[in-house]
Amino acid sequence: MKQRPIFVTKSDLQRLKVLLAQQRATSKASKYSAKLQAELEKAVVVESKEVPADVVTMRSTVELADLDTGNTEVYTLVFPEEADVA
């Protein structure tokens, strides 16, 4: 399967870099932090208005469908400080 490019907006990249730096500074970095860092290093950085319509970015809301059951769930991708698990 051909791998699609990863897009990140300039503003999201800056916020994610700050988040990663904070995690490293407080010893909260994990294998997930390292994976995120690696993905950001190969991402295509664009202005918000240049993000393709089919790309999920921070604050995007998506509906996921379970192909076996037909059940759907809606999620919004947010930064940790914006998360509301309820």
Protein backbone atom coordinates (compact mmCIF):
# COMPACT_ATOMS: atom_id res chain seq x y z
CA MET A 1 0.00 0.00 0.00
CA LYS A 2 1.31 3.43 -0.93
CA GLN A 3 1.92 5.63 2.09
CA ARG A 4 0.15 8.98 2.00
CA PRO A 5 2.07 12.09 3.01
CA ILE A 6 1.49 13.52 6.47
CA PHE A 7 0.36 17.15 6.49
CA VAL A 8 0.63 19.48 9.46
CA THR A 9 -0.18 23.15 9.63
CA LYS A 10 2.53 25.57 10.69
CA SER A 11 0.58 26.56 13.81
CA ASP A 12 -0.14 22.95 14.82
CA LEU A 13 3.51 22.05 14.29
CA GLN A 14 4.61 24.81 16.65
CA ARG A 15 2.14 23.71 19.35
CA LEU A 16 3.14 20.06 18.99
CA LYS A 17 6.84 20.96 19.24
CA VAL A 18 6.14 22.84 22.48
CA LEU A 19 4.18 19.87 23.82
CA LEU A 20 7.03 17.47 23.00
CA ALA A 21 9.60 19.80 24.59
CA GLN A 22 7.49 20.03 27.74
CA GLN A 23 7.25 16.25 27.92
CA ARG A 24 11.02 15.87 27.54
CA ALA A 25 11.62 18.52 30.22
CA THR A 26 9.36 16.77 32.73
CA SER A 27 10.46 13.21 31.94
CA LYS A 28 6.99 12.41 30.60
CA ALA A 29 8.29 11.55 27.15
CA SER A 30 7.32 8.09 25.96
CA LYS A 31 7.66 5.87 22.93
CA TYR A 32 4.59 7.71 21.61
CA SER A 33 6.39 11.04 21.95
CA ALA A 34 9.31 9.66 19.95
CA LYS A 35 6.93 8.33 17.29
CA LEU A 36 5.16 11.69 17.06
CA GLN A 37 8.52 13.46 16.74
CA ALA A 38 9.54 11.13 13.92
CA GLU A 39 6.25 11.66 12.08
CA LEU A 40 6.51 15.44 12.42
CA GLU A 41 10.02 15.38 10.96
CA LYS A 42 8.74 13.86 7.72
CA ALA A 43 5.49 15.84 7.56
CA VAL A 44 4.65 18.32 4.84
CA VAL A 45 4.22 21.69 6.59
CA VAL A 46 1.50 23.87 5.09
CA GLU A 47 -0.61 26.91 5.86
CA SER A 48 -4.08 26.12 7.23
CA LYS A 49 -5.78 27.08 3.97
CA GLU A 50 -3.54 24.65 2.02
CA VAL A 51 -4.60 21.49 3.89
CA PRO A 52 -6.27 19.05 1.48
CA ALA A 53 -9.99 18.51 2.20
CA ASP A 54 -9.51 14.81 2.99
CA VAL A 55 -6.84 15.37 5.67
CA VAL A 56 -7.64 15.23 9.38
CA THR A 57 -5.95 18.01 11.34
CA MET A 58 -6.10 19.24 14.90
CA ARG A 59 -9.69 20.21 15.80
CA SER A 60 -11.08 18.11 12.94
CA THR A 61 -14.18 16.09 13.75
CA VAL A 62 -14.45 12.69 12.11
CA GLU A 63 -16.97 9.89 12.10
CA LEU A 64 -15.56 6.37 12.25
CA ALA A 65 -17.64 3.40 11.16
CA ASP A 66 -17.09 -0.18 12.28
CA LEU A 67 -17.42 -2.08 9.01
CA ASP A 68 -18.42 -5.29 10.80
CA THR A 69 -21.16 -3.92 13.04
CA GLY A 70 -22.16 -0.70 11.30
CA ASN A 71 -21.74 1.22 14.56
CA THR A 72 -20.33 4.71 14.26
CA GLU A 73 -18.46 6.96 16.67
CA VAL A 74 -17.59 10.64 16.36
CA TYR A 75 -14.23 12.00 17.52
CA THR A 76 -12.60 15.40 17.52
CA LEU A 77 -8.79 15.55 17.43
CA VAL A 78 -7.61 18.05 20.06
CA PHE A 79 -4.54 19.02 22.03
CA PRO A 80 -4.25 17.47 25.51
CA GLU A 81 -5.34 20.62 27.36
CA GLU A 82 -8.54 20.68 25.27
CA ALA A 83 -9.45 17.04 25.88
CA ASP A 84 -12.76 16.12 27.47
CA VAL A 85 -13.09 12.35 27.66
CA ALA A 86 -16.71 12.68 28.78
